[in-house]
N, C-alpha and C. Protein backbone atom coordinates (compact mmCIF):
# COMPACT_ATOMS: atom_id res chain seq x y z
N MET A 1 0.82 -1.20 0.00
CA MET A 1 0.00 0.00 0.00
C MET A 1 0.87 1.27 0.00
N LEU A 2 1.97 1.28 0.78
CA LEU A 2 2.82 2.46 0.81
C LEU A 2 3.44 2.75 -0.55
N ASP A 3 3.78 1.69 -1.28
CA ASP A 3 4.33 1.88 -2.63
C ASP A 3 3.30 2.54 -3.55
N VAL A 4 2.04 2.15 -3.39
CA VAL A 4 0.97 2.75 -4.19
C VAL A 4 0.84 4.24 -3.86
N ILE A 5 0.87 4.56 -2.56
CA ILE A 5 0.76 5.96 -2.14
C ILE A 5 1.90 6.78 -2.74
N LYS A 6 3.13 6.27 -2.63
CA LYS A 6 4.29 6.99 -3.17
C LYS A 6 4.17 7.19 -4.68
N GLU A 7 3.80 6.13 -5.38
CA GLU A 7 3.69 6.19 -6.84
C GLU A 7 2.61 7.17 -7.29
N ARG A 8 1.47 7.14 -6.62
CA ARG A 8 0.37 8.02 -7.01
C ARG A 8 0.69 9.49 -6.72
N LEU A 9 1.42 9.74 -5.63
CA LEU A 9 1.79 11.12 -5.32
C LEU A 9 2.77 11.70 -6.34
N LYS A 10 3.63 10.83 -6.91
CA LYS A 10 4.62 11.29 -7.89
C LYS A 10 3.96 11.96 -9.09
N GLY A 11 2.89 11.35 -9.58
CA GLY A 11 2.25 11.88 -10.77
C GLY A 11 0.99 12.68 -10.49
N HIS A 12 0.81 13.10 -9.24
CA HIS A 12 -0.44 13.75 -8.85
C HIS A 12 -0.55 15.15 -9.44
N GLN A 13 -1.68 15.40 -10.10
CA GLN A 13 -2.00 16.72 -10.64
C GLN A 13 -2.66 17.52 -9.52
N LEU A 14 -2.01 18.57 -9.04
CA LEU A 14 -2.57 19.36 -7.96
C LEU A 14 -3.82 20.09 -8.41
N LEU A 15 -4.79 20.19 -7.53
CA LEU A 15 -6.07 20.81 -7.85
C LEU A 15 -5.99 22.32 -7.77
N GLU A 16 -6.77 22.97 -8.59
CA GLU A 16 -6.88 24.42 -8.56
C GLU A 16 -8.00 24.78 -7.60
N GLY A 17 -7.68 25.20 -6.39
CA GLY A 17 -8.71 25.52 -5.43
C GLY A 17 -8.63 26.95 -4.92
N LEU A 18 -7.66 27.70 -5.41
CA LEU A 18 -7.44 29.05 -4.90
C LEU A 18 -7.91 30.10 -5.90
N LYS A 19 -8.39 31.18 -5.37
CA LYS A 19 -8.77 32.31 -6.21
C LYS A 19 -7.55 33.18 -6.49
N ALA A 20 -7.64 33.99 -7.52
CA ALA A 20 -6.55 34.92 -7.83
C ALA A 20 -6.26 35.78 -6.60
N GLY A 21 -5.00 35.91 -6.26
CA GLY A 21 -4.60 36.71 -5.11
C GLY A 21 -4.41 35.90 -3.83
N ASP A 22 -4.89 34.63 -3.83
CA ASP A 22 -4.74 33.83 -2.62
C ASP A 22 -3.28 33.50 -2.31
N ASP A 23 -2.40 33.59 -3.35
CA ASP A 23 -0.99 33.34 -3.09
C ASP A 23 -0.37 34.45 -2.25
N GLN A 24 -1.09 35.55 -2.08
CA GLN A 24 -0.61 36.64 -1.23
C GLN A 24 -1.04 36.47 0.23
N LEU A 25 -1.82 35.46 0.51
CA LEU A 25 -2.27 35.19 1.88
C LEU A 25 -1.10 34.72 2.74
N PRO A 26 -1.22 34.82 4.06
CA PRO A 26 -0.21 34.20 4.92
C PRO A 26 -0.14 32.71 4.62
N GLN A 27 1.05 32.17 4.63
CA GLN A 27 1.26 30.77 4.26
C GLN A 27 1.32 29.88 5.51
N ALA A 28 0.80 28.67 5.35
CA ALA A 28 0.84 27.66 6.41
C ALA A 28 1.05 26.31 5.75
N ALA A 29 1.48 25.34 6.54
CA ALA A 29 1.68 23.98 6.02
C ALA A 29 1.32 22.97 7.10
N VAL A 30 0.84 21.82 6.63
CA VAL A 30 0.54 20.71 7.54
C VAL A 30 1.23 19.46 7.04
N LEU A 31 1.48 18.55 7.96
CA LEU A 31 2.00 17.24 7.60
C LEU A 31 0.85 16.26 7.67
N VAL A 32 0.69 15.45 6.62
CA VAL A 32 -0.26 14.35 6.61
C VAL A 32 0.57 13.11 6.92
N PRO A 33 0.71 12.77 8.21
CA PRO A 33 1.61 11.68 8.60
C PRO A 33 0.94 10.32 8.45
N ILE A 34 1.61 9.43 7.75
CA ILE A 34 1.11 8.07 7.54
C ILE A 34 2.12 7.10 8.13
N THR A 35 1.62 6.13 8.89
CA THR A 35 2.51 5.16 9.53
C THR A 35 3.10 4.20 8.51
N ASN A 36 4.30 3.76 8.77
CA ASN A 36 5.01 2.83 7.89
C ASN A 36 4.50 1.41 8.14
N ASP A 37 3.31 1.15 7.66
CA ASP A 37 2.68 -0.15 7.80
C ASP A 37 2.16 -0.53 6.43
N SER A 38 2.86 -1.44 5.75
CA SER A 38 2.54 -1.74 4.36
C SER A 38 1.16 -2.34 4.18
N GLU A 39 0.64 -3.04 5.20
CA GLU A 39 -0.67 -3.68 5.06
C GLU A 39 -1.82 -2.74 5.40
N GLU A 40 -1.69 -1.97 6.48
CA GLU A 40 -2.78 -1.09 6.91
C GLU A 40 -2.24 0.24 7.40
N PRO A 41 -1.81 1.10 6.47
CA PRO A 41 -1.28 2.41 6.88
C PRO A 41 -2.33 3.18 7.67
N GLN A 42 -1.87 3.90 8.68
CA GLN A 42 -2.72 4.73 9.53
C GLN A 42 -2.34 6.19 9.32
N VAL A 43 -3.32 7.06 9.45
CA VAL A 43 -3.08 8.50 9.39
C VAL A 43 -3.05 9.02 10.82
N LEU A 44 -2.02 9.79 11.14
CA LEU A 44 -1.91 10.40 12.46
C LEU A 44 -2.63 11.74 12.46
N LEU A 45 -3.55 11.91 13.39
CA LEU A 45 -4.28 13.17 13.55
C LEU A 45 -4.13 13.67 14.97
N THR A 46 -4.42 14.92 15.19
CA THR A 46 -4.31 15.50 16.53
C THR A 46 -5.64 16.15 16.92
N LEU A 47 -5.88 16.22 18.20
CA LEU A 47 -7.02 16.96 18.73
C LEU A 47 -6.45 18.18 19.42
N ARG A 48 -6.77 19.35 18.88
CA ARG A 48 -6.21 20.59 19.41
C ARG A 48 -6.81 20.92 20.77
N SER A 49 -6.04 21.56 21.60
CA SER A 49 -6.48 21.95 22.93
C SER A 49 -7.69 22.87 22.85
N ALA A 50 -8.59 22.72 23.78
CA ALA A 50 -9.78 23.58 23.86
C ALA A 50 -9.41 24.99 24.29
N GLU A 51 -8.18 25.20 24.76
CA GLU A 51 -7.72 26.51 25.24
C GLU A 51 -7.13 27.39 24.14
N LEU A 52 -6.98 26.88 22.93
CA LEU A 52 -6.34 27.65 21.87
C LEU A 52 -7.29 28.71 21.32
N SER A 53 -6.70 29.76 20.74
CA SER A 53 -7.52 30.86 20.21
C SER A 53 -8.12 30.55 18.84
N SER A 54 -7.52 29.63 18.09
CA SER A 54 -8.10 29.24 16.80
C SER A 54 -8.12 27.71 16.69
N HIS A 55 -9.16 27.22 16.06
CA HIS A 55 -9.35 25.77 15.86
C HIS A 55 -9.36 25.01 17.18
N ALA A 56 -9.81 25.65 18.24
CA ALA A 56 -9.84 25.02 19.57
C ALA A 56 -10.73 23.78 19.55
N GLY A 57 -10.22 22.68 20.09
CA GLY A 57 -10.99 21.45 20.20
C GLY A 57 -11.26 20.74 18.89
N GLU A 58 -10.58 21.13 17.83
CA GLU A 58 -10.80 20.51 16.52
C GLU A 58 -9.73 19.49 16.20
N VAL A 59 -10.10 18.53 15.36
CA VAL A 59 -9.14 17.54 14.85
C VAL A 59 -8.39 18.18 13.69
N SER A 60 -7.09 17.98 13.67
CA SER A 60 -6.28 18.56 12.59
C SER A 60 -5.03 17.71 12.36
N PHE A 61 -4.29 18.08 11.33
CA PHE A 61 -2.96 17.53 11.11
C PHE A 61 -1.97 18.39 11.88
N PRO A 62 -0.80 17.85 12.22
CA PRO A 62 0.23 18.72 12.78
C PRO A 62 0.61 19.78 11.74
N GLY A 63 0.71 21.02 12.17
CA GLY A 63 1.08 22.07 11.23
C GLY A 63 0.77 23.44 11.76
N GLY A 64 1.06 24.44 10.95
CA GLY A 64 0.80 25.82 11.37
C GLY A 64 1.35 26.82 10.38
N ARG A 65 1.37 28.04 10.82
CA ARG A 65 1.78 29.18 9.99
C ARG A 65 3.29 29.16 9.76
N GLN A 66 3.68 29.59 8.56
CA GLN A 66 5.09 29.67 8.21
C GLN A 66 5.77 30.80 8.99
N ASP A 67 6.92 30.50 9.57
CA ASP A 67 7.73 31.49 10.28
C ASP A 67 8.76 32.10 9.32
N ASP A 68 9.27 33.27 9.68
CA ASP A 68 10.32 33.91 8.87
C ASP A 68 11.57 33.05 8.78
N THR A 69 11.80 32.21 9.78
CA THR A 69 13.00 31.38 9.80
C THR A 69 12.85 30.09 9.00
N ASP A 70 11.63 29.75 8.58
CA ASP A 70 11.41 28.53 7.79
C ASP A 70 11.96 28.71 6.39
N THR A 71 12.70 27.73 5.91
CA THR A 71 13.30 27.81 4.59
C THR A 71 12.33 27.43 3.47
N SER A 72 11.23 26.76 3.82
CA SER A 72 10.23 26.35 2.85
C SER A 72 8.96 25.97 3.60
N LEU A 73 7.87 25.76 2.86
CA LEU A 73 6.65 25.29 3.50
C LEU A 73 6.80 23.86 4.00
N GLU A 74 7.59 23.06 3.32
CA GLU A 74 7.87 21.71 3.82
C GLU A 74 8.57 21.81 5.18
N HIS A 75 9.51 22.73 5.29
CA HIS A 75 10.21 22.95 6.56
C HIS A 75 9.21 23.36 7.65
N THR A 76 8.23 24.18 7.29
CA THR A 76 7.19 24.59 8.23
C THR A 76 6.44 23.37 8.75
N ALA A 77 6.02 22.49 7.85
CA ALA A 77 5.28 21.28 8.26
C ALA A 77 6.11 20.41 9.18
N LEU A 78 7.38 20.26 8.88
CA LEU A 78 8.26 19.42 9.71
C LEU A 78 8.53 20.06 11.06
N ARG A 79 8.77 21.37 11.06
CA ARG A 79 9.00 22.08 12.34
C ARG A 79 7.79 21.99 13.24
N GLU A 80 6.62 22.26 12.68
CA GLU A 80 5.39 22.21 13.47
C GLU A 80 5.11 20.80 13.99
N SER A 81 5.43 19.80 13.20
CA SER A 81 5.22 18.41 13.63
C SER A 81 6.10 18.07 14.83
N PHE A 82 7.32 18.59 14.82
CA PHE A 82 8.19 18.38 15.98
C PHE A 82 7.65 19.12 17.19
N GLU A 83 7.22 20.38 17.00
CA GLU A 83 6.72 21.17 18.12
C GLU A 83 5.44 20.59 18.72
N GLU A 84 4.57 20.03 17.88
CA GLU A 84 3.27 19.56 18.37
C GLU A 84 3.28 18.12 18.87
N VAL A 85 3.95 17.23 18.12
CA VAL A 85 3.90 15.81 18.50
C VAL A 85 5.27 15.18 18.69
N GLY A 86 6.33 15.99 18.64
CA GLY A 86 7.67 15.50 18.97
C GLY A 86 8.30 14.60 17.93
N ILE A 87 7.90 14.71 16.67
CA ILE A 87 8.50 13.88 15.63
C ILE A 87 9.71 14.62 15.04
N PRO A 88 10.93 14.08 15.24
CA PRO A 88 12.10 14.73 14.65
C PRO A 88 12.01 14.68 13.12
N LYS A 89 12.45 15.75 12.46
CA LYS A 89 12.30 15.81 11.00
C LYS A 89 13.06 14.70 10.30
N ASN A 90 14.14 14.21 10.90
CA ASN A 90 14.88 13.12 10.25
C ASN A 90 14.17 11.77 10.37
N GLN A 91 13.04 11.75 11.08
CA GLN A 91 12.24 10.53 11.20
C GLN A 91 11.05 10.53 10.24
N ILE A 92 10.92 11.60 9.44
CA ILE A 92 9.80 11.74 8.51
C ILE A 92 10.32 11.68 7.08
N ASN A 93 9.77 10.77 6.30
CA ASN A 93 10.12 10.66 4.89
C ASN A 93 9.01 11.33 4.08
N VAL A 94 9.23 12.60 3.70
CA VAL A 94 8.23 13.34 2.92
C VAL A 94 8.22 12.77 1.51
N ILE A 95 7.03 12.31 1.06
CA ILE A 95 6.93 11.63 -0.23
C ILE A 95 6.15 12.44 -1.28
N GLY A 96 5.61 13.58 -0.88
CA GLY A 96 4.89 14.39 -1.86
C GLY A 96 3.99 15.40 -1.18
N ARG A 97 3.25 16.13 -2.01
CA ARG A 97 2.35 17.12 -1.45
C ARG A 97 0.99 17.01 -2.12
N LEU A 98 0.03 17.64 -1.46
CA LEU A 98 -1.33 17.70 -1.98
C LEU A 98 -1.65 19.16 -2.29
N SER A 99 -2.84 19.41 -2.78
CA SER A 99 -3.22 20.75 -3.23
C SER A 99 -3.32 21.74 -2.07
N SER A 100 -2.84 22.95 -2.31
CA SER A 100 -2.98 24.03 -1.33
C SER A 100 -4.44 24.46 -1.28
N ARG A 101 -4.87 24.86 -0.10
CA ARG A 101 -6.27 25.27 0.10
C ARG A 101 -6.30 26.52 0.99
N LYS A 102 -7.32 27.31 0.78
CA LYS A 102 -7.53 28.48 1.63
C LYS A 102 -8.35 28.05 2.84
N SER A 103 -7.85 28.36 4.03
CA SER A 103 -8.57 28.01 5.26
C SER A 103 -9.61 29.07 5.57
N ARG A 104 -10.52 28.74 6.46
CA ARG A 104 -11.56 29.71 6.84
C ARG A 104 -10.97 30.88 7.64
N TYR A 105 -9.72 30.75 8.09
CA TYR A 105 -9.04 31.83 8.80
C TYR A 105 -8.14 32.65 7.88
N GLY A 106 -8.27 32.43 6.56
CA GLY A 106 -7.54 33.26 5.61
C GLY A 106 -6.08 32.88 5.42
N LEU A 107 -5.74 31.60 5.62
CA LEU A 107 -4.38 31.12 5.38
C LEU A 107 -4.37 30.26 4.12
N ASN A 108 -3.28 30.29 3.39
CA ASN A 108 -3.08 29.37 2.28
C ASN A 108 -2.32 28.17 2.85
N VAL A 109 -2.99 27.02 2.97
CA VAL A 109 -2.44 25.84 3.65
C VAL A 109 -1.98 24.81 2.63
N THR A 110 -0.73 24.40 2.73
CA THR A 110 -0.16 23.38 1.84
C THR A 110 0.12 22.10 2.63
N PRO A 111 -0.50 20.98 2.24
CA PRO A 111 -0.27 19.71 2.93
C PRO A 111 0.88 18.91 2.30
N TYR A 112 1.72 18.34 3.15
CA TYR A 112 2.80 17.45 2.73
C TYR A 112 2.54 16.07 3.33
N VAL A 113 2.70 15.03 2.52
CA VAL A 113 2.48 13.66 2.98
C VAL A 113 3.83 13.09 3.38
N GLY A 114 3.89 12.53 4.60
CA GLY A 114 5.13 11.96 5.09
C GLY A 114 4.90 10.60 5.73
N ILE A 115 5.87 9.72 5.56
CA ILE A 115 5.81 8.39 6.16
C ILE A 115 6.59 8.42 7.47
N LEU A 116 5.96 7.88 8.53
CA LEU A 116 6.57 7.82 9.86
C LEU A 116 7.08 6.41 10.14
N PRO A 117 8.14 6.29 10.96
CA PRO A 117 8.56 4.96 11.38
C PRO A 117 7.43 4.22 12.08
N LYS A 118 7.44 2.90 11.97
CA LYS A 118 6.32 2.08 12.45
C LYS A 118 6.03 2.26 13.94
N ASP A 119 7.03 2.22 14.78
CA ASP A 119 6.80 2.27 16.22
C ASP A 119 7.28 3.58 16.85
N LEU A 120 7.07 4.67 16.16
CA LEU A 120 7.50 5.97 16.64
C LEU A 120 6.75 6.36 17.91
N LYS A 121 7.47 6.81 18.91
CA LYS A 121 6.87 7.29 20.15
C LYS A 121 6.62 8.79 20.03
N LEU A 122 5.39 9.19 20.26
CA LEU A 122 5.02 10.59 20.16
C LEU A 122 5.10 11.27 21.52
N LYS A 123 5.34 12.57 21.49
CA LYS A 123 5.32 13.38 22.70
C LYS A 123 4.50 14.62 22.40
N THR A 124 3.19 14.55 22.72
CA THR A 124 2.31 15.66 22.38
C THR A 124 2.58 16.86 23.30
N ASN A 125 2.48 18.03 22.71
CA ASN A 125 2.67 19.28 23.44
C ASN A 125 1.33 19.64 24.09
N PRO A 126 1.23 19.58 25.43
CA PRO A 126 -0.05 19.83 26.09
C PRO A 126 -0.54 21.28 25.96
N ASP A 127 0.35 22.20 25.61
CA ASP A 127 -0.08 23.59 25.39
C ASP A 127 -0.87 23.73 24.09
N GLU A 128 -0.66 22.79 23.15
CA GLU A 128 -1.32 22.88 21.86
C GLU A 128 -2.33 21.77 21.60
N LEU A 129 -2.09 20.58 22.20
CA LEU A 129 -2.91 19.42 21.87
C LEU A 129 -3.50 18.73 23.09
N SER A 130 -4.70 18.18 22.90
CA SER A 130 -5.29 17.31 23.91
C SER A 130 -4.78 15.89 23.74
N CYS A 131 -4.62 15.45 22.48
CA CYS A 131 -4.12 14.11 22.22
C CYS A 131 -3.77 13.96 20.74
N ALA A 132 -3.14 12.84 20.42
CA ALA A 132 -2.90 12.42 19.04
C ALA A 132 -3.45 11.01 18.91
N PHE A 133 -3.95 10.68 17.72
CA PHE A 133 -4.53 9.36 17.50
C PHE A 133 -4.37 8.98 16.04
N THR A 134 -4.55 7.70 15.74
CA THR A 134 -4.43 7.24 14.36
C THR A 134 -5.76 6.66 13.88
N VAL A 135 -5.94 6.76 12.57
CA VAL A 135 -7.12 6.23 11.89
C VAL A 135 -6.62 5.48 10.66
N PRO A 136 -7.12 4.27 10.40
CA PRO A 136 -6.72 3.58 9.17
C PRO A 136 -7.05 4.44 7.95
N LEU A 137 -6.09 4.62 7.06
CA LEU A 137 -6.32 5.43 5.87
C LEU A 137 -7.52 4.90 5.08
N ARG A 138 -7.66 3.59 5.05
CA ARG A 138 -8.75 2.96 4.31
C ARG A 138 -10.13 3.39 4.83
N PHE A 139 -10.22 3.75 6.12
CA PHE A 139 -11.50 4.19 6.70
C PHE A 139 -12.10 5.34 5.88
N PHE A 140 -11.27 6.27 5.45
CA PHE A 140 -11.76 7.45 4.74
C PHE A 140 -12.21 7.12 3.32
N ALA A 141 -11.67 6.04 2.75
CA ALA A 141 -12.10 5.61 1.42
C ALA A 141 -13.40 4.80 1.49
N GLU A 142 -13.59 4.10 2.60
CA GLU A 142 -14.74 3.19 2.72
C GLU A 142 -15.94 3.82 3.44
N THR A 143 -15.77 5.03 3.96
CA THR A 143 -16.83 5.70 4.70
C THR A 143 -17.28 6.93 3.93
N THR A 144 -18.56 7.03 3.66
CA THR A 144 -19.09 8.21 2.98
C THR A 144 -19.17 9.35 3.99
N PRO A 145 -18.50 10.46 3.69
CA PRO A 145 -18.56 11.58 4.65
C PRO A 145 -19.94 12.23 4.63
N SER A 146 -20.33 12.75 5.77
CA SER A 146 -21.53 13.58 5.78
C SER A 146 -21.11 14.98 5.33
N VAL A 147 -22.08 15.78 4.94
CA VAL A 147 -21.80 17.14 4.46
C VAL A 147 -22.41 18.11 5.46
N ILE A 148 -21.57 19.00 6.02
CA ILE A 148 -22.08 19.90 7.04
C ILE A 148 -22.52 21.25 6.48
N LYS A 149 -21.98 21.62 5.31
CA LYS A 149 -22.43 22.83 4.63
C LYS A 149 -21.78 22.87 3.26
N THR A 150 -22.17 23.84 2.45
CA THR A 150 -21.51 24.07 1.18
C THR A 150 -20.92 25.47 1.19
N VAL A 151 -19.81 25.61 0.46
CA VAL A 151 -19.10 26.89 0.40
C VAL A 151 -18.91 27.26 -1.07
N PRO A 152 -19.35 28.45 -1.47
CA PRO A 152 -19.15 28.87 -2.86
C PRO A 152 -17.70 29.32 -3.08
N LEU A 153 -17.12 28.88 -4.20
CA LEU A 153 -15.76 29.27 -4.56
C LEU A 153 -15.65 29.28 -6.08
N ASN A 154 -15.31 30.42 -6.64
CA ASN A 154 -15.15 30.57 -8.08
C ASN A 154 -16.37 30.07 -8.85
N GLY A 155 -17.57 30.35 -8.34
CA GLY A 155 -18.79 29.98 -9.02
C GLY A 155 -19.23 28.53 -8.85
N VAL A 156 -18.53 27.79 -7.98
CA VAL A 156 -18.86 26.38 -7.73
C VAL A 156 -19.17 26.22 -6.25
N ASN A 157 -20.18 25.42 -5.92
CA ASN A 157 -20.49 25.12 -4.53
C ASN A 157 -19.76 23.85 -4.10
N TYR A 158 -18.84 24.01 -3.13
CA TYR A 158 -18.07 22.88 -2.62
C TYR A 158 -18.67 22.40 -1.31
N LYS A 159 -18.72 21.08 -1.15
CA LYS A 159 -19.22 20.47 0.08
C LYS A 159 -18.11 20.46 1.14
N VAL A 160 -18.47 20.74 2.38
CA VAL A 160 -17.54 20.62 3.50
C VAL A 160 -17.83 19.27 4.16
N PRO A 161 -16.90 18.30 4.02
CA PRO A 161 -17.15 16.96 4.51
C PRO A 161 -16.86 16.81 6.00
N SER A 162 -17.45 15.76 6.57
CA SER A 162 -17.22 15.44 7.98
C SER A 162 -17.27 13.92 8.15
N TYR A 163 -16.30 13.40 8.91
CA TYR A 163 -16.24 11.98 9.25
C TYR A 163 -16.34 11.84 10.76
N GLN A 164 -16.99 10.79 11.20
CA GLN A 164 -17.02 10.46 12.63
C GLN A 164 -16.21 9.19 12.83
N TYR A 165 -15.15 9.27 13.63
CA TYR A 165 -14.33 8.10 13.94
C TYR A 165 -14.23 8.01 15.46
N ASN A 166 -14.88 6.98 16.01
CA ASN A 166 -14.99 6.86 17.47
C ASN A 166 -15.54 8.17 18.02
N GLU A 167 -14.87 8.78 18.99
CA GLU A 167 -15.39 10.03 19.57
C GLU A 167 -14.92 11.28 18.82
N PHE A 168 -14.18 11.10 17.72
CA PHE A 168 -13.58 12.23 17.02
C PHE A 168 -14.38 12.62 15.78
N THR A 169 -14.65 13.92 15.63
CA THR A 169 -15.26 14.45 14.43
C THR A 169 -14.17 15.08 13.59
N ILE A 170 -13.99 14.57 12.38
CA ILE A 170 -12.93 15.03 11.48
C ILE A 170 -13.63 15.75 10.34
N TRP A 171 -13.46 17.06 10.25
CA TRP A 171 -14.23 17.84 9.30
C TRP A 171 -13.40 18.98 8.73
N GLY A 172 -14.04 19.75 7.87
CA GLY A 172 -13.42 20.96 7.33
C GLY A 172 -12.22 20.67 6.46
N LEU A 173 -11.22 21.53 6.55
CA LEU A 173 -10.03 21.43 5.70
C LEU A 173 -9.31 20.10 5.90
N THR A 174 -9.27 19.60 7.13
CA THR A 174 -8.63 18.31 7.39
C THR A 174 -9.32 17.21 6.60
N ALA A 175 -10.64 17.19 6.61
CA ALA A 175 -11.40 16.19 5.86
C ALA A 175 -11.24 16.38 4.35
N VAL A 176 -11.18 17.63 3.89
CA VAL A 176 -10.98 17.90 2.46
C VAL A 176 -9.64 17.32 2.00
N VAL A 177 -8.60 17.52 2.78
CA VAL A 177 -7.27 16.98 2.45
C VAL A 177 -7.33 15.45 2.41
N LEU A 178 -8.00 14.85 3.37
CA LEU A 178 -8.12 13.39 3.40
C LEU A 178 -8.88 12.86 2.19
N VAL A 179 -9.93 13.57 1.77
CA VAL A 179 -10.68 13.16 0.58
C VAL A 179 -9.77 13.18 -0.65
N GLU A 180 -8.98 14.25 -0.80
CA GLU A 180 -8.06 14.31 -1.93
C GLU A 180 -7.09 13.12 -1.91
N LEU A 181 -6.57 12.80 -0.73
CA LEU A 181 -5.61 11.69 -0.61
C LEU A 181 -6.26 10.35 -0.94
N VAL A 182 -7.44 10.06 -0.38
CA VAL A 182 -8.05 8.75 -0.64
C VAL A 182 -8.59 8.65 -2.07
N ASN A 183 -9.01 9.77 -2.65
CA ASN A 183 -9.38 9.73 -4.07
C ASN A 183 -8.17 9.35 -4.92
N LEU A 184 -7.01 9.87 -4.56
CA LEU A 184 -5.78 9.59 -5.29
C LEU A 184 -5.32 8.15 -5.08
N VAL A 185 -5.32 7.69 -3.83
CA VAL A 185 -4.74 6.39 -3.50
C VAL A 185 -5.69 5.23 -3.80
N PHE A 186 -6.97 5.41 -3.49
CA PHE A 186 -7.93 4.31 -3.61
C PHE A 186 -8.89 4.47 -4.79
N ASP A 187 -8.71 5.51 -5.61
CA ASP A 187 -9.69 5.81 -6.66
C ASP A 187 -11.09 5.87 -6.08
N ALA A 188 -11.22 6.55 -4.95
CA ALA A 188 -12.48 6.55 -4.19
C ALA A 188 -13.58 7.35 -4.88
N ASP A 189 -13.25 8.33 -5.69
CA ASP A 189 -14.23 9.12 -6.44
C ASP A 189 -15.25 9.81 -5.53
N ILE A 190 -14.76 10.35 -4.41
CA ILE A 190 -15.62 11.12 -3.51
C ILE A 190 -15.66 12.55 -4.05
N SER A 191 -16.84 13.00 -4.41
CA SER A 191 -16.98 14.34 -4.98
C SER A 191 -17.29 15.34 -3.88
N LEU A 192 -16.61 16.48 -3.93
CA LEU A 192 -16.88 17.57 -2.99
C LEU A 192 -17.57 18.74 -3.68
N ILE A 193 -18.05 18.49 -4.90
CA ILE A 193 -18.76 19.52 -5.64
C ILE A 193 -20.25 19.20 -5.58
N GLU A 194 -21.03 20.21 -5.21
CA GLU A 194 -22.48 20.02 -5.12
C GLU A 194 -23.05 19.91 -6.54
N SER A 195 -23.83 18.87 -6.77
CA SER A 195 -24.38 18.67 -8.13
C SER A 195 -25.72 19.37 -8.28
C-alpha cells in the first residue's frame, strides 16, 4: 500500500482551489503523517487543545503558519510536527504534497504527505494538543462523509465533509485533504462539488 501511495503522489496533478490573489495570503503547512505499515497504513491526527484561540478542540494535522526562519513550506510542516507531537524531522520521509487550500481563517495551507517509522513514540505538546490518535487510511475511502455545509468558490459550490471516527469528528479542511488523498490512493471518487 505504501508503494501505491508513493507512486500516485509522484504523478499527482494538484487541484486548482485558490482564487486569484490567494498566493498573497499568509502561508501555512501541515504534515499528513502516515505510519510505515505496508498492510494497513494509519493517518496520524491531533485533537487541538480547547484553550487555543483558533481551531480550539478541533481535529487537525500537525502544522501551522510559516515562520520567517522557515526555509520552505515543507520545513514549516516538519518544524510544526516536531513542536506539536515531537517527531524529529529526520524521522519523517516526505513523499509528496497535496493541493494548497484556503482556510476559513484566511491562510493558504499546503499539505505534505510523510511516512513515519512504524513504532515511533510521540510526545504531544499539552499547550497545543489534547491528544494524538491514528485512523486507518482505508476508513476514509470506505466511509461516505456527511456534508455539514456548502461553500461557494469561483462559481462552484463545494461540500464541506465530515467523518465520525470513534469520539472524534474530522471535518473541514482536514477532511478535504483526506478526501483528496483517498481519491488519489484508492480511486475513491468522492466528490466535494455540489451537483
